[in-house]
Amino acid sequence: MLIKAENFEGCDLISSLIQDSIFHILLHSFDNENKCISLMLNRFCWESVASFEEEKCYYRVHSGLYIHNVESISANDNIKDGQYLNLLTFHSSANEINLIFSENKHICVSTNKILVYLKDLHDKYPTLAIPKHA
């Protein structure tokens, strides 16, 4: 799957697909020349929800989240190297994309124009666990 977002509606779609992704803080890179941050996510496949009942199985997939036109990146102080983070959602505005994680952690990406891609990097694989929301 490859999804491109250039507006708020596209970002909302990507946000719904990456809800409950697991992100290791070291699995990111920044391409200064192209002004792009790349994050490797272990994404729960919410789009397969309809097939859960039939198959009695859930799925995850490793996906790349690519945010272009980056001006700056900031994170709050409680994000430390080596951590796994649970991505709850991200919110977009005309010049910011905020990645919101559990435990009051967030990353703010300032942009001069919305351009975000979500790309699955291989086939989905089965998992027995489904994310639970308290």
N, C-alpha and C. Protein backbone atom coordinates (compact mmCIF):
# COMPACT_ATOMS: atom_id res chain seq x y z
N MET A 1 0.84 -1.17 0.00
CA MET A 1 0.00 0.00 0.00
C MET A 1 0.89 1.23 0.00
N LEU A 2 0.51 2.22 -0.79
CA LEU A 2 1.17 3.52 -0.81
C LEU A 2 0.09 4.58 -0.82
N ILE A 3 0.14 5.49 0.15
CA ILE A 3 -0.82 6.58 0.24
C ILE A 3 -0.06 7.89 0.31
N LYS A 4 -0.52 8.84 -0.48
CA LYS A 4 0.07 10.17 -0.51
C LYS A 4 -0.94 11.16 0.05
N ALA A 5 -0.48 12.04 0.93
CA ALA A 5 -1.35 13.07 1.50
C ALA A 5 -0.74 14.44 1.22
N GLU A 6 -1.58 15.32 0.64
CA GLU A 6 -1.16 16.69 0.39
C GLU A 6 -2.11 17.70 1.04
N ASN A 7 -3.04 17.17 1.85
CA ASN A 7 -4.01 18.05 2.51
C ASN A 7 -4.45 17.40 3.83
N PHE A 8 -5.31 18.10 4.56
CA PHE A 8 -5.75 17.61 5.88
C PHE A 8 -6.50 16.29 5.77
N GLU A 9 -7.34 16.14 4.75
CA GLU A 9 -8.13 14.91 4.59
C GLU A 9 -7.21 13.70 4.37
N GLY A 10 -6.20 13.88 3.54
CA GLY A 10 -5.23 12.80 3.32
C GLY A 10 -4.47 12.45 4.59
N CYS A 11 -4.12 13.47 5.35
CA CYS A 11 -3.42 13.24 6.62
C CYS A 11 -4.32 12.51 7.61
N ASP A 12 -5.62 12.83 7.61
CA ASP A 12 -6.56 12.13 8.48
C ASP A 12 -6.63 10.65 8.13
N LEU A 13 -6.61 10.32 6.84
CA LEU A 13 -6.62 8.92 6.42
C LEU A 13 -5.37 8.21 6.90
N ILE A 14 -4.22 8.81 6.67
CA ILE A 14 -2.97 8.20 7.14
C ILE A 14 -2.98 8.06 8.65
N SER A 15 -3.46 9.06 9.36
CA SER A 15 -3.52 9.00 10.82
C SER A 15 -4.34 7.80 11.28
N SER A 16 -5.46 7.54 10.61
CA SER A 16 -6.30 6.40 11.00
C SER A 16 -5.60 5.07 10.75
N LEU A 17 -4.74 5.01 9.75
CA LEU A 17 -4.04 3.78 9.42
C LEU A 17 -2.84 3.52 10.34
N ILE A 18 -2.24 4.57 10.87
CA ILE A 18 -1.06 4.38 11.71
C ILE A 18 -1.37 4.39 13.20
N GLN A 19 -2.64 4.53 13.55
CA GLN A 19 -3.02 4.48 14.96
C GLN A 19 -2.52 3.17 15.57
N ASP A 20 -1.90 3.26 16.72
CA ASP A 20 -1.38 2.11 17.47
C ASP A 20 -0.13 1.49 16.84
N SER A 21 0.56 2.26 16.00
CA SER A 21 1.83 1.78 15.47
C SER A 21 2.88 1.83 16.58
N ILE A 22 3.84 0.94 16.46
CA ILE A 22 4.98 0.92 17.39
C ILE A 22 6.17 1.52 16.64
N PHE A 23 6.85 2.44 17.30
CA PHE A 23 7.96 3.17 16.68
C PHE A 23 9.15 3.14 17.63
N HIS A 24 10.27 2.65 17.15
CA HIS A 24 11.51 2.71 17.93
C HIS A 24 12.20 4.01 17.56
N ILE A 25 12.55 4.80 18.55
CA ILE A 25 13.07 6.15 18.34
C ILE A 25 14.32 6.14 17.46
N LEU A 26 15.08 5.07 17.43
CA LEU A 26 16.28 5.02 16.61
C LEU A 26 15.98 4.70 15.14
N LEU A 27 14.75 4.29 14.84
CA LEU A 27 14.40 3.91 13.47
C LEU A 27 13.80 5.09 12.71
N HIS A 28 14.60 6.14 12.61
CA HIS A 28 14.22 7.30 11.82
C HIS A 28 15.47 7.88 11.18
N SER A 29 15.26 8.62 10.13
CA SER A 29 16.39 9.31 9.50
C SER A 29 15.90 10.64 8.93
N PHE A 30 16.83 11.55 8.75
CA PHE A 30 16.49 12.83 8.15
C PHE A 30 17.40 13.07 6.96
N ASP A 31 16.81 13.32 5.82
CA ASP A 31 17.52 13.64 4.59
C ASP A 31 17.51 15.16 4.46
N ASN A 32 18.62 15.78 4.85
CA ASN A 32 18.70 17.24 4.87
C ASN A 32 18.58 17.84 3.47
N GLU A 33 19.16 17.18 2.48
CA GLU A 33 19.11 17.70 1.11
C GLU A 33 17.67 17.75 0.58
N ASN A 34 16.89 16.71 0.85
CA ASN A 34 15.50 16.65 0.38
C ASN A 34 14.49 17.11 1.42
N LYS A 35 14.97 17.51 2.61
CA LYS A 35 14.09 18.00 3.69
C LYS A 35 12.98 17.00 4.01
N CYS A 36 13.39 15.75 4.25
CA CYS A 36 12.42 14.67 4.50
C CYS A 36 12.84 13.87 5.72
N ILE A 37 11.88 13.63 6.63
CA ILE A 37 12.10 12.71 7.74
C ILE A 37 11.38 11.41 7.43
N SER A 38 12.07 10.30 7.69
CA SER A 38 11.51 8.97 7.46
C SER A 38 11.45 8.23 8.79
N LEU A 39 10.31 7.62 9.07
CA LEU A 39 10.14 6.84 10.29
C LEU A 39 9.69 5.44 9.92
N MET A 40 10.30 4.43 10.54
CA MET A 40 9.89 3.05 10.34
C MET A 40 8.91 2.67 11.44
N LEU A 41 7.71 2.29 11.04
CA LEU A 41 6.64 1.95 11.98
C LEU A 41 6.29 0.47 11.87
N ASN A 42 5.93 -0.13 12.99
CA ASN A 42 5.31 -1.45 12.99
C ASN A 42 3.82 -1.16 13.16
N ARG A 43 3.10 -1.22 12.03
CA ARG A 43 1.73 -0.72 11.95
C ARG A 43 0.71 -1.85 12.11
N PHE A 44 -0.28 -1.63 12.99
CA PHE A 44 -1.42 -2.54 13.09
C PHE A 44 -2.32 -2.28 11.89
N CYS A 45 -2.79 -3.32 11.21
CA CYS A 45 -3.56 -3.18 9.97
C CYS A 45 -5.04 -3.00 10.26
N TRP A 46 -5.40 -1.78 10.63
CA TRP A 46 -6.81 -1.48 10.92
C TRP A 46 -7.69 -1.65 9.69
N GLU A 47 -7.12 -1.50 8.50
CA GLU A 47 -7.92 -1.65 7.29
C GLU A 47 -8.37 -3.09 7.03
N SER A 48 -7.82 -4.04 7.77
CA SER A 48 -8.21 -5.46 7.64
C SER A 48 -9.24 -5.86 8.68
N VAL A 49 -9.81 -4.91 9.40
CA VAL A 49 -10.74 -5.20 10.49
C VAL A 49 -11.88 -6.09 10.04
N ALA A 50 -12.42 -5.89 8.86
CA ALA A 50 -13.56 -6.68 8.39
C ALA A 50 -13.22 -8.16 8.29
N SER A 51 -11.99 -8.48 7.99
CA SER A 51 -11.62 -9.89 7.84
C SER A 51 -11.26 -10.55 9.17
N PHE A 52 -11.13 -9.78 10.26
CA PHE A 52 -10.76 -10.36 11.55
C PHE A 52 -11.73 -11.44 11.99
N GLU A 53 -13.03 -11.17 11.88
CA GLU A 53 -14.05 -12.12 12.33
C GLU A 53 -13.94 -13.44 11.57
N GLU A 54 -13.72 -13.35 10.25
CA GLU A 54 -13.66 -14.55 9.42
C GLU A 54 -12.39 -15.36 9.67
N GLU A 55 -11.26 -14.69 9.74
CA GLU A 55 -9.98 -15.38 9.82
C GLU A 55 -9.52 -15.67 11.25
N LYS A 56 -10.10 -14.98 12.24
CA LYS A 56 -9.66 -15.11 13.63
C LYS A 56 -8.18 -14.77 13.78
N CYS A 57 -7.73 -13.81 12.99
CA CYS A 57 -6.33 -13.41 13.00
C CYS A 57 -6.24 -11.92 12.75
N TYR A 58 -5.25 -11.28 13.33
CA TYR A 58 -4.98 -9.87 13.13
C TYR A 58 -3.68 -9.76 12.35
N TYR A 59 -3.38 -8.54 11.88
CA TYR A 59 -2.18 -8.36 11.06
C TYR A 59 -1.43 -7.09 11.45
N ARG A 60 -0.13 -7.13 11.22
CA ARG A 60 0.76 -5.98 11.33
C ARG A 60 1.62 -5.96 10.08
N VAL A 61 2.23 -4.79 9.82
CA VAL A 61 3.14 -4.64 8.70
C VAL A 61 4.13 -3.53 9.04
N HIS A 62 5.36 -3.67 8.56
CA HIS A 62 6.33 -2.59 8.71
C HIS A 62 6.07 -1.58 7.60
N SER A 63 5.96 -0.32 7.99
CA SER A 63 5.63 0.75 7.05
C SER A 63 6.58 1.92 7.25
N GLY A 64 6.82 2.62 6.16
CA GLY A 64 7.58 3.86 6.22
C GLY A 64 6.64 5.04 6.20
N LEU A 65 6.86 5.98 7.10
CA LEU A 65 6.13 7.25 7.12
C LEU A 65 7.13 8.32 6.72
N TYR A 66 6.85 9.02 5.63
CA TYR A 66 7.77 9.99 5.06
C TYR A 66 7.10 11.37 5.08
N ILE A 67 7.71 12.30 5.79
CA ILE A 67 7.19 13.67 5.87
C ILE A 67 8.18 14.57 5.15
N HIS A 68 7.70 15.26 4.11
CA HIS A 68 8.54 16.11 3.27
C HIS A 68 8.37 17.57 3.63
N ASN A 69 9.22 18.40 3.04
CA ASN A 69 9.19 19.86 3.21
C ASN A 69 9.43 20.26 4.67
N VAL A 70 10.31 19.54 5.33
CA VAL A 70 10.58 19.76 6.76
C VAL A 70 11.44 21.00 6.96
N GLU A 71 10.97 21.86 7.83
CA GLU A 71 11.73 23.05 8.23
C GLU A 71 12.48 22.81 9.55
N SER A 72 11.82 22.14 10.49
CA SER A 72 12.46 21.82 11.78
C SER A 72 11.71 20.67 12.44
N ILE A 73 12.39 20.04 13.41
CA ILE A 73 11.82 18.92 14.16
C ILE A 73 12.12 19.16 15.63
N SER A 74 11.11 18.99 16.47
CA SER A 74 11.32 19.10 17.91
C SER A 74 10.55 17.98 18.61
N ALA A 75 11.04 17.62 19.78
CA ALA A 75 10.39 16.58 20.58
C ALA A 75 10.39 17.02 22.03
N ASN A 76 9.41 16.53 22.79
CA ASN A 76 9.43 16.90 24.21
C ASN A 76 10.53 16.11 24.93
N ASP A 77 10.86 16.57 26.12
CA ASP A 77 12.03 16.08 26.83
C ASP A 77 11.94 14.64 27.31
N ASN A 78 10.75 14.07 27.40
CA ASN A 78 10.66 12.72 27.95
C ASN A 78 10.81 11.63 26.89
N ILE A 79 11.21 11.98 25.67
CA ILE A 79 11.56 10.97 24.67
C ILE A 79 13.06 10.74 24.77
N LYS A 80 13.44 9.50 25.00
CA LYS A 80 14.85 9.14 25.19
C LYS A 80 15.29 8.16 24.11
N ASP A 81 16.59 8.16 23.80
CA ASP A 81 17.14 7.19 22.85
C ASP A 81 16.88 5.78 23.34
N GLY A 82 16.59 4.90 22.41
CA GLY A 82 16.40 3.49 22.74
C GLY A 82 14.97 3.12 23.11
N GLN A 83 14.06 4.08 23.14
CA GLN A 83 12.68 3.81 23.54
C GLN A 83 11.83 3.31 22.38
N TYR A 84 10.87 2.46 22.73
CA TYR A 84 9.77 2.14 21.83
C TYR A 84 8.61 3.05 22.21
N LEU A 85 7.98 3.63 21.20
CA LEU A 85 6.86 4.54 21.44
C LEU A 85 5.61 3.99 20.78
N ASN A 86 4.47 4.20 21.43
CA ASN A 86 3.18 3.79 20.88
C ASN A 86 2.54 5.03 20.26
N LEU A 87 2.45 5.03 18.93
CA LEU A 87 1.88 6.16 18.21
C LEU A 87 0.37 6.12 18.28
N LEU A 88 -0.21 7.15 18.86
CA LEU A 88 -1.66 7.21 18.98
C LEU A 88 -2.29 7.83 17.74
N THR A 89 -1.72 8.94 17.26
CA THR A 89 -2.28 9.65 16.12
C THR A 89 -1.30 10.71 15.67
N PHE A 90 -1.63 11.37 14.57
CA PHE A 90 -0.94 12.62 14.27
C PHE A 90 -1.94 13.62 13.74
N HIS A 91 -1.65 14.88 14.04
CA HIS A 91 -2.51 15.98 13.64
C HIS A 91 -1.72 16.87 12.70
N SER A 92 -2.40 17.38 11.68
CA SER A 92 -1.72 18.27 10.74
C SER A 92 -2.40 19.64 10.72
N SER A 93 -1.58 20.63 10.44
CA SER A 93 -2.06 21.99 10.20
C SER A 93 -1.30 22.50 8.98
N ALA A 94 -1.50 23.72 8.63
CA ALA A 94 -0.87 24.27 7.43
C ALA A 94 0.66 24.18 7.48
N ASN A 95 1.22 24.25 8.69
CA ASN A 95 2.69 24.25 8.77
C ASN A 95 3.25 23.37 9.89
N GLU A 96 2.47 22.40 10.37
CA GLU A 96 2.95 21.48 11.41
C GLU A 96 2.29 20.12 11.28
N ILE A 97 3.08 19.11 11.59
CA ILE A 97 2.55 17.77 11.77
C ILE A 97 3.01 17.32 13.14
N ASN A 98 2.05 17.01 14.01
CA ASN A 98 2.34 16.59 15.38
C ASN A 98 2.06 15.11 15.53
N LEU A 99 3.10 14.35 15.85
CA LEU A 99 2.97 12.93 16.12
C LEU A 99 2.76 12.77 17.62
N ILE A 100 1.63 12.19 17.99
CA ILE A 100 1.24 12.07 19.40
C ILE A 100 1.41 10.62 19.83
N PHE A 101 2.19 10.40 20.88
CA PHE A 101 2.46 9.07 21.41
C PHE A 101 1.85 8.93 22.79
N SER A 102 1.76 7.72 23.27
CA SER A 102 1.30 7.50 24.64
C SER A 102 2.31 8.08 25.62
N GLU A 103 1.91 8.20 26.88
CA GLU A 103 2.74 8.70 27.96
C GLU A 103 3.19 10.16 27.73
N ASN A 104 2.31 10.96 27.12
CA ASN A 104 2.56 12.39 26.90
C ASN A 104 3.84 12.67 26.12
N LYS A 105 4.13 11.86 25.13
CA LYS A 105 5.30 12.08 24.29
C LYS A 105 4.81 12.55 22.92
N HIS A 106 5.56 13.48 22.34
CA HIS A 106 5.19 13.95 21.01
C HIS A 106 6.40 14.48 20.25
N ILE A 107 6.26 14.45 18.94
CA ILE A 107 7.25 15.02 18.03
C ILE A 107 6.51 16.00 17.13
N CYS A 108 7.06 17.19 17.00
CA CYS A 108 6.47 18.22 16.15
C CYS A 108 7.39 18.44 14.94
N VAL A 109 6.82 18.28 13.74
CA VAL A 109 7.55 18.50 12.50
C VAL A 109 6.97 19.75 11.84
N SER A 110 7.78 20.80 11.76
CA SER A 110 7.35 22.03 11.08
C SER A 110 7.63 21.88 9.59
N THR A 111 6.62 22.20 8.78
CA THR A 111 6.75 22.08 7.33
C THR A 111 6.31 23.38 6.67
N ASN A 112 6.69 23.53 5.40
CA ASN A 112 6.21 24.69 4.66
C ASN A 112 5.09 24.30 3.70
N LYS A 113 4.78 23.00 3.62
CA LYS A 113 3.70 22.49 2.77
C LYS A 113 3.48 21.02 3.12
N ILE A 114 2.22 20.59 3.20
CA ILE A 114 1.92 19.20 3.54
C ILE A 114 2.27 18.28 2.37
N LEU A 115 3.13 17.31 2.65
CA LEU A 115 3.41 16.21 1.72
C LEU A 115 3.88 15.03 2.57
N VAL A 116 2.99 14.04 2.73
CA VAL A 116 3.26 12.89 3.58
C VAL A 116 2.95 11.63 2.77
N TYR A 117 3.82 10.63 2.91
CA TYR A 117 3.58 9.33 2.29
C TYR A 117 3.58 8.26 3.38
N LEU A 118 2.72 7.27 3.21
CA LEU A 118 2.74 6.06 4.03
C LEU A 118 2.91 4.90 3.05
N LYS A 119 3.95 4.11 3.26
CA LYS A 119 4.23 3.00 2.35
C LYS A 119 4.50 1.73 3.15
N ASP A 120 3.70 0.68 2.87
CA ASP A 120 3.98 -0.63 3.46
C ASP A 120 5.22 -1.20 2.78
N LEU A 121 6.12 -1.76 3.57
CA LEU A 121 7.42 -2.19 3.05
C LEU A 121 7.49 -3.67 2.71
N HIS A 122 6.46 -4.42 3.08
CA HIS A 122 6.38 -5.85 2.74
C HIS A 122 4.94 -6.29 2.97
N ASP A 123 4.69 -7.58 2.80
CA ASP A 123 3.35 -8.11 3.05
C ASP A 123 3.05 -8.10 4.55
N LYS A 124 1.77 -7.99 4.87
CA LYS A 124 1.37 -8.03 6.28
C LYS A 124 1.64 -9.42 6.84
N TYR A 125 1.80 -9.48 8.16
CA TYR A 125 2.05 -10.77 8.82
C TYR A 125 1.08 -10.91 9.99
N PRO A 126 0.73 -12.15 10.35
CA PRO A 126 -0.27 -12.36 11.40
C PRO A 126 0.25 -12.05 12.79
N THR A 127 -0.67 -11.62 13.64
CA THR A 127 -0.39 -11.40 15.06
C THR A 127 -1.64 -11.81 15.84
N LEU A 128 -1.46 -12.22 17.06
CA LEU A 128 -2.59 -12.63 17.89
C LEU A 128 -3.14 -11.48 18.73
N ALA A 129 -2.42 -10.39 18.78
CA ALA A 129 -2.81 -9.28 19.66
C ALA A 129 -3.45 -8.13 18.88
N ILE A 130 -4.46 -7.55 19.49
CA ILE A 130 -5.10 -6.35 18.95
C ILE A 130 -4.91 -5.23 19.97
N PRO A 131 -4.55 -4.03 19.52
CA PRO A 131 -4.38 -2.93 20.47
C PRO A 131 -5.67 -2.66 21.24
N LYS A 132 -5.52 -2.40 22.52
CA LYS A 132 -6.67 -2.09 23.37
C LYS A 132 -6.56 -0.66 23.84
N HIS A 133 -7.68 0.03 23.87
CA HIS A 133 -7.71 1.42 24.32
C HIS A 133 -8.46 1.48 25.66
N ALA A 134 -7.77 2.06 26.64
CA ALA A 134 -8.36 2.17 27.98
C ALA A 134 -9.26 3.36 28.10
